[in-house]
Amino acid sequence: MNNYKLVILSSGYGSNLQSIIDKLHLQDGIEVCVIVSDKASQSITRGLLANIPCLFLPKRKSQSREEYDKLLKALIIPFAPDLIVLAGFMRIFSPVFIRAFEGKIINIHPSLLPKYKGLNTHQRVIDAKDKMHGTTIHYVDETLDGGEIIAQKRIDVLPFDTAETLEQTIKSIEHTFYPEIIRKLCLKATLL
């Protein structure tokens, strides 16, 4: 059986990336074949420590979104990914990129989408006095945190919660939830 190939786009601290490497890479026929970052980041260090090829594609100020996405697409195509996984890659893609990998790009977002797209989700939950919070895994389209929802995990917001405690709780859930859903998507695809 051929490996189910993941390309991971990650440009931050990379804790979700690390959980994907630890729980999925070279297990159950799943391989992280490359990590791409648009910033000098901890994500690159994590990939290199796991002997996974890493590519660095910074965005130049003069570049349009479409120009950057064409380069990113050209970089990824040779790896023939079965799934492109966003793990802290803070970009909205243009149709150029989305069409090239239609239905193959997923992201995790720390809110119960469609609520609280964008940044500062935990503080927004506190400010709104919401009773529930959570995280969402979704397919990526050309809109901010848009695309079909794949799975959600909910938590109760407790009276003593702050933006910081919510962030820690959600992160710890994501470290199990994201690899679990990626594994299910991989297994489902291999059965088709």
C-alpha atoms as a PDB file:
ATOM      1  CA  MET A   1       0.000   0.000   0.000  1.00  0.00           C
ATOM      2  CA  ASN A   2       1.274   3.460  -0.867  1.00  0.00           C
ATOM      3  CA  ASN A   3       1.648   5.991   1.906  1.00  0.00           C
ATOM      4  CA  TYR A   4      -1.097   8.545   2.343  1.00  0.00           C
ATOM      5  CA  LYS A   5       0.857  11.755   1.821  1.00  0.00           C
ATOM      6  CA  LEU A   6       0.391  14.842   3.969  1.00  0.00           C
ATOM      7  CA  VAL A   7       1.801  18.279   3.213  1.00  0.00           C
ATOM      8  CA  ILE A   8       1.680  20.485   6.288  1.00  0.00           C
ATOM      9  CA  LEU A   9       1.641  24.276   6.084  1.00  0.00           C
ATOM     10  CA  SER A  10       2.746  25.665   9.431  1.00  0.00           C
ATOM     11  CA  SER A  11       4.302  29.001  10.302  1.00  0.00           C
ATOM     12  CA  GLY A  12       4.115  29.363  14.041  1.00  0.00           C
ATOM     13  CA  TYR A  13       5.163  27.610  17.218  1.00  0.00           C
ATOM     14  CA  GLY A  14       3.949  24.321  15.747  1.00  0.00           C
ATOM     15  CA  SER A  15       2.383  22.492  18.688  1.00  0.00           C
ATOM     16  CA  ASN A  16      -0.391  21.045  16.470  1.00  0.00           C
ATOM     17  CA  LEU A  17       2.275  20.156  13.900  1.00  0.00           C
ATOM     18  CA  GLN A  18       4.219  18.307  16.612  1.00  0.00           C
ATOM     19  CA  SER A  19       1.156  16.302  17.628  1.00  0.00           C
ATOM     20  CA  ILE A  20       0.580  15.323  13.977  1.00  0.00           C
ATOM     21  CA  ILE A  21       4.226  14.230  13.641  1.00  0.00           C
ATOM     22  CA  ASP A  22       4.099  12.269  16.922  1.00  0.00           C
ATOM     23  CA  LYS A  23       0.749  10.570  16.329  1.00  0.00           C
ATOM     24  CA  LEU A  24       0.656  10.059  12.537  1.00  0.00           C
ATOM     25  CA  HIS A  25       4.001  10.338  10.741  1.00  0.00           C
ATOM     26  CA  LEU A  26       5.076   6.918   9.390  1.00  0.00           C
ATOM     27  CA  GLN A  27       2.164   5.190  11.161  1.00  0.00           C
ATOM     28  CA  ASP A  28      -0.827   3.470   9.546  1.00  0.00           C
ATOM     29  CA  GLY A  29       0.567   4.213   6.071  1.00  0.00           C
ATOM     30  CA  ILE A  30       0.561   7.985   6.692  1.00  0.00           C
ATOM     31  CA  GLU A  31       3.592  10.102   5.842  1.00  0.00           C
ATOM     32  CA  VAL A  32       4.271  13.792   6.383  1.00  0.00           C
ATOM     33  CA  CYS A  33       6.211  14.300   3.158  1.00  0.00           C
ATOM     34  CA  VAL A  34       7.035  18.004   3.584  1.00  0.00           C
ATOM     35  CA  ILE A  35       6.450  20.968   5.889  1.00  0.00           C
ATOM     36  CA  VAL A  36       6.160  24.396   4.283  1.00  0.00           C
ATOM     37  CA  SER A  37       6.499  27.606   6.281  1.00  0.00           C
ATOM     38  CA  ASP A  38       6.178  31.234   5.213  1.00  0.00           C
ATOM     39  CA  LYS A  39       8.110  32.445   8.281  1.00  0.00           C
ATOM     40  CA  ALA A  40      11.289  31.426  10.057  1.00  0.00           C
ATOM     41  CA  SER A  41       9.482  29.426  12.725  1.00  0.00           C
ATOM     42  CA  GLN A  42       9.628  26.706  15.339  1.00  0.00           C
ATOM     43  CA  SER A  43       7.638  24.594  12.858  1.00  0.00           C
ATOM     44  CA  ILE A  44      10.721  24.243  10.635  1.00  0.00           C
ATOM     45  CA  THR A  45      12.838  23.182  13.618  1.00  0.00           C
ATOM     46  CA  ARG A  46      10.236  20.573  14.607  1.00  0.00           C
ATOM     47  CA  GLY A  47      10.168  19.175  11.063  1.00  0.00           C
ATOM     48  CA  LEU A  48      13.935  18.988  10.753  1.00  0.00           C
ATOM     49  CA  LEU A  49      14.231  17.228  14.130  1.00  0.00           C
ATOM     50  CA  ALA A  50      11.813  14.585  12.780  1.00  0.00           C
ATOM     51  CA  ASN A  51      13.842  14.238   9.529  1.00  0.00           C
ATOM     52  CA  ILE A  52      10.969  15.653   7.474  1.00  0.00           C
ATOM     53  CA  PRO A  53      11.905  17.887   4.516  1.00  0.00           C
ATOM     54  CA  CYS A  54      11.086  21.550   5.171  1.00  0.00           C
ATOM     55  CA  LEU A  55      10.629  24.338   2.650  1.00  0.00           C
ATOM     56  CA  PHE A  56      10.664  28.042   3.404  1.00  0.00           C
ATOM     57  CA  LEU A  57       8.623  30.347   1.181  1.00  0.00           C
ATOM     58  CA  PRO A  58       8.406  33.861   2.648  1.00  0.00           C
ATOM     59  CA  LYS A  59       5.956  36.340   1.186  1.00  0.00           C
ATOM     60  CA  ARG A  60       7.583  39.429  -0.286  1.00  0.00           C
ATOM     61  CA  LYS A  61       5.862  42.768   0.303  1.00  0.00           C
ATOM     62  CA  SER A  62       5.569  43.382  -3.437  1.00  0.00           C
ATOM     63  CA  GLN A  63       3.815  40.035  -4.059  1.00  0.00           C
ATOM     64  CA  SER A  64       0.076  39.742  -4.549  1.00  0.00           C
ATOM     65  CA  ARG A  65      -1.811  36.905  -2.874  1.00  0.00           C
ATOM     66  CA  GLU A  66      -2.213  35.215  -6.287  1.00  0.00           C
ATOM     67  CA  GLU A  67       1.517  35.460  -7.078  1.00  0.00           C
ATOM     68  CA  TYR A  68       2.416  33.920  -3.729  1.00  0.00           C
ATOM     69  CA  ASP A  69      -0.199  31.179  -4.120  1.00  0.00           C
ATOM     70  CA  LYS A  70       1.131  30.265  -7.595  1.00  0.00           C
ATOM     71  CA  LEU A  71       4.611  29.764  -6.115  1.00  0.00           C
ATOM     72  CA  LEU A  72       3.198  27.781  -3.192  1.00  0.00           C
ATOM     73  CA  LYS A  73       1.188  25.601  -5.586  1.00  0.00           C
ATOM     74  CA  ALA A  74       4.294  24.962  -7.729  1.00  0.00           C
ATOM     75  CA  LEU A  75       6.243  24.020  -4.597  1.00  0.00           C
ATOM     76  CA  ILE A  76       3.616  21.531  -3.392  1.00  0.00           C
ATOM     77  CA  ILE A  77       2.527  19.833  -6.655  1.00  0.00           C
ATOM     78  CA  PRO A  78       5.668  17.612  -6.959  1.00  0.00           C
ATOM     79  CA  PHE A  79       4.811  16.028  -3.585  1.00  0.00           C
ATOM     80  CA  ALA A  80       1.380  14.917  -4.909  1.00  0.00           C
ATOM     81  CA  PRO A  81      -0.307  15.340  -1.526  1.00  0.00           C
ATOM     82  CA  ASP A  82      -3.422  13.416  -0.598  1.00  0.00           C
ATOM     83  CA  LEU A  83      -4.156  16.077   2.012  1.00  0.00           C
ATOM     84  CA  ILE A  84      -2.815  19.559   2.765  1.00  0.00           C
ATOM     85  CA  VAL A  85      -3.034  20.256   6.484  1.00  0.00           C
ATOM     86  CA  LEU A  86      -2.921  23.794   7.856  1.00  0.00           C
ATOM     87  CA  ALA A  87      -1.396  24.008  11.324  1.00  0.00           C
ATOM     88  CA  GLY A  88      -1.045  27.678  12.185  1.00  0.00           C
ATOM     89  CA  PHE A  89      -0.587  28.907   8.603  1.00  0.00           C
ATOM     90  CA  MET A  90      -2.245  32.310   8.784  1.00  0.00           C
ATOM     91  CA  ARG A  91      -3.234  33.012   5.191  1.00  0.00           C
ATOM     92  CA  ILE A  92      -6.418  33.271   3.164  1.00  0.00           C
ATOM     93  CA  PHE A  93      -5.843  31.450  -0.118  1.00  0.00           C
ATOM     94  CA  SER A  94      -6.798  32.729  -3.544  1.00  0.00           C
ATOM     95  CA  PRO A  95      -8.856  30.624  -5.988  1.00  0.00           C
ATOM     96  CA  VAL A  96      -5.561  29.807  -7.789  1.00  0.00           C
ATOM     97  CA  PHE A  97      -4.482  27.663  -4.839  1.00  0.00           C
ATOM     98  CA  ILE A  98      -7.893  26.361  -3.759  1.00  0.00           C
ATOM     99  CA  ARG A  99      -8.794  25.086  -7.256  1.00  0.00           C
ATOM    100  CA  ALA A 100      -5.467  23.257  -7.584  1.00  0.00           C
ATOM    101  CA  PHE A 101      -6.176  21.225  -4.432  1.00  0.00           C
ATOM    102  CA  GLU A 102      -9.985  21.299  -4.268  1.00  0.00           C
ATOM    103  CA  GLY A 103     -11.332  19.268  -1.336  1.00  0.00           C
ATOM    104  CA  LYS A 104      -7.816  18.405  -0.134  1.00  0.00           C
ATOM    105  CA  ILE A 105      -7.053  21.326   2.216  1.00  0.00           C
ATOM    106  CA  ILE A 106      -8.090  21.254   5.875  1.00  0.00           C
ATOM    107  CA  ASN A 107      -7.622  23.622   8.804  1.00  0.00           C
ATOM    108  CA  ILE A 108      -8.302  23.677  12.524  1.00  0.00           C
ATOM    109  CA  HIS A 109      -9.791  26.808  14.080  1.00  0.00           C
ATOM    110  CA  PRO A 110     -10.204  27.514  17.818  1.00  0.00           C
ATOM    111  CA  SER A 111     -13.935  28.288  17.858  1.00  0.00           C
ATOM    112  CA  LEU A 112     -17.238  26.650  17.070  1.00  0.00           C
ATOM    113  CA  LEU A 113     -17.491  27.892  13.503  1.00  0.00           C
ATOM    114  CA  PRO A 114     -19.293  29.723  12.021  1.00  0.00           C
ATOM    115  CA  LYS A 115     -18.904  31.717  15.266  1.00  0.00           C
ATOM    116  CA  TYR A 116     -15.754  33.783  15.802  1.00  0.00           C
ATOM    117  CA  LYS A 117     -13.864  33.558  12.542  1.00  0.00           C
ATOM    118  CA  GLY A 118     -10.424  35.165  12.614  1.00  0.00           C
ATOM    119  CA  LEU A 119      -8.285  35.989  15.644  1.00  0.00           C
ATOM    120  CA  ASN A 120      -8.752  36.387  19.422  1.00  0.00           C
ATOM    121  CA  THR A 121     -11.465  33.726  19.574  1.00  0.00           C
ATOM    122  CA  HIS A 122     -10.995  32.895  23.264  1.00  0.00           C
ATOM    123  CA  GLN A 123     -11.344  36.515  24.397  1.00  0.00           C
ATOM    124  CA  ARG A 124     -14.378  36.943  22.168  1.00  0.00           C
ATOM    125  CA  VAL A 125     -16.026  33.920  23.856  1.00  0.00           C
ATOM    126  CA  ILE A 126     -15.327  35.447  27.305  1.00  0.00           C
ATOM    127  CA  ASP A 127     -16.585  38.885  26.211  1.00  0.00           C
ATOM    128  CA  ALA A 128     -19.819  37.362  24.834  1.00  0.00           C
ATOM    129  CA  LYS A 129     -20.301  35.333  28.057  1.00  0.00           C
ATOM    130  CA  ASP A 130     -20.792  32.187  25.959  1.00  0.00           C
ATOM    131  CA  LYS A 131     -21.532  28.961  27.835  1.00  0.00           C
ATOM    132  CA  MET A 132     -19.882  26.781  25.149  1.00  0.00           C
ATOM    133  CA  HIS A 133     -16.596  27.008  23.261  1.00  0.00           C
ATOM    134  CA  GLY A 134     -14.647  24.571  21.146  1.00  0.00           C
ATOM    135  CA  THR A 135     -12.604  23.872  18.075  1.00  0.00           C
ATOM    136  CA  THR A 136     -13.526  23.146  14.459  1.00  0.00           C
ATOM    137  CA  ILE A 137     -11.799  21.167  11.714  1.00  0.00           C
ATOM    138  CA  HIS A 138     -12.971  22.275   8.285  1.00  0.00           C
ATOM    139  CA  TYR A 139     -12.184  22.147   4.597  1.00  0.00           C
ATOM    140  CA  VAL A 140     -10.585  25.367   3.375  1.00  0.00           C
ATOM    141  CA  ASP A 141     -12.112  27.648   0.756  1.00  0.00           C
ATOM    142  CA  GLU A 142     -11.273  31.196  -0.392  1.00  0.00           C
ATOM    143  CA  THR A 143     -12.908  32.830   2.645  1.00  0.00           C
ATOM    144  CA  LEU A 144     -11.659  33.477   6.177  1.00  0.00           C
ATOM    145  CA  ASP A 145     -12.244  30.289   8.194  1.00  0.00           C
ATOM    146  CA  GLY A 146     -14.877  29.219   5.676  1.00  0.00           C
ATOM    147  CA  GLY A 147     -15.447  25.871   4.041  1.00  0.00           C
ATOM    148  CA  GLU A 148     -17.422  22.785   4.976  1.00  0.00           C
ATOM    149  CA  ILE A 149     -17.155  21.699   8.613  1.00  0.00           C
ATOM    150  CA  ILE A 150     -15.683  18.212   9.089  1.00  0.00           C
ATOM    151  CA  ALA A 151     -15.843  17.891  12.887  1.00  0.00           C
ATOM    152  CA  GLN A 152     -16.198  19.947  16.067  1.00  0.00           C
ATOM    153  CA  LYS A 153     -15.292  19.369  19.687  1.00  0.00           C
ATOM    154  CA  ARG A 154     -17.182  21.357  22.365  1.00  0.00           C
ATOM    155  CA  ILE A 155     -16.316  22.330  25.916  1.00  0.00           C
ATOM    156  CA  ASP A 156     -18.232  24.109  28.650  1.00  0.00           C
ATOM    157  CA  VAL A 157     -16.999  27.582  29.533  1.00  0.00           C
ATOM    158  CA  LEU A 158     -16.553  27.528  33.309  1.00  0.00           C
ATOM    159  CA  PRO A 159     -17.171  30.547  35.577  1.00  0.00           C
ATOM    160  CA  PHE A 160     -13.459  30.960  36.361  1.00  0.00           C
ATOM    161  CA  ASP A 161     -12.288  30.609  32.733  1.00  0.00           C
ATOM    162  CA  THR A 162     -10.205  33.354  31.116  1.00  0.00           C
ATOM    163  CA  ALA A 163      -9.009  33.718  27.529  1.00  0.00           C
ATOM    164  CA  GLU A 164      -5.738  32.106  28.685  1.00  0.00           C
ATOM    165  CA  THR A 165      -7.337  29.064  30.353  1.00  0.00           C
ATOM    166  CA  LEU A 166      -9.616  28.548  27.351  1.00  0.00           C
ATOM    167  CA  GLU A 167      -6.637  28.723  25.001  1.00  0.00           C
ATOM    168  CA  GLN A 168      -4.762  26.079  27.031  1.00  0.00           C
ATOM    169  CA  THR A 169      -7.800  23.778  27.199  1.00  0.00           C
ATOM    170  CA  ILE A 170      -8.555  24.100  23.472  1.00  0.00           C
ATOM    171  CA  LYS A 171      -4.878  23.534  22.526  1.00  0.00           C
ATOM    172  CA  SER A 172      -4.720  20.343  24.580  1.00  0.00           C
ATOM    173  CA  ILE A 173      -7.927  19.079  22.927  1.00  0.00           C
ATOM    174  CA  GLU A 174      -6.618  19.960  19.444  1.00  0.00           C
ATOM    175  CA  HIS A 175      -3.421  17.949  19.994  1.00  0.00           C
ATOM    176  CA  THR A 176      -5.517  14.773  20.104  1.00  0.00           C
ATOM    177  CA  PHE A 177      -8.511  15.821  17.994  1.00  0.00           C
ATOM    178  CA  TYR A 178      -6.650  17.026  14.864  1.00  0.00           C
ATOM    179  CA  PRO A 179      -4.506  13.880  14.391  1.00  0.00           C
ATOM    180  CA  GLU A 180      -7.558  11.698  15.121  1.00  0.00           C
ATOM    181  CA  ILE A 181      -9.647  13.367  12.388  1.00  0.00           C
ATOM    182  CA  ILE A 182      -6.717  13.385   9.916  1.00  0.00           C
ATOM    183  CA  ARG A 183      -6.279   9.639  10.524  1.00  0.00           C
ATOM    184  CA  LYS A 184     -10.003   9.066   9.857  1.00  0.00           C
ATOM    185  CA  LEU A 185      -9.811  11.072   6.609  1.00  0.00           C
ATOM    186  CA  CYS A 186      -6.757   9.046   5.528  1.00  0.00           C
ATOM    187  CA  LEU A 187      -8.356   5.698   6.337  1.00  0.00           C
ATOM    188  CA  LYS A 188     -11.616   6.706   4.629  1.00  0.00           C
ATOM    189  CA  ALA A 189      -9.689   7.702   1.488  1.00  0.00           C
ATOM    190  CA  THR A 190      -7.754   4.419   1.382  1.00  0.00           C
ATOM    191  CA  LEU A 191     -11.016   2.464   1.557  1.00  0.00           C
ATOM    192  CA  LEU A 192     -12.480   4.281  -1.486  1.00  0.00           C
END
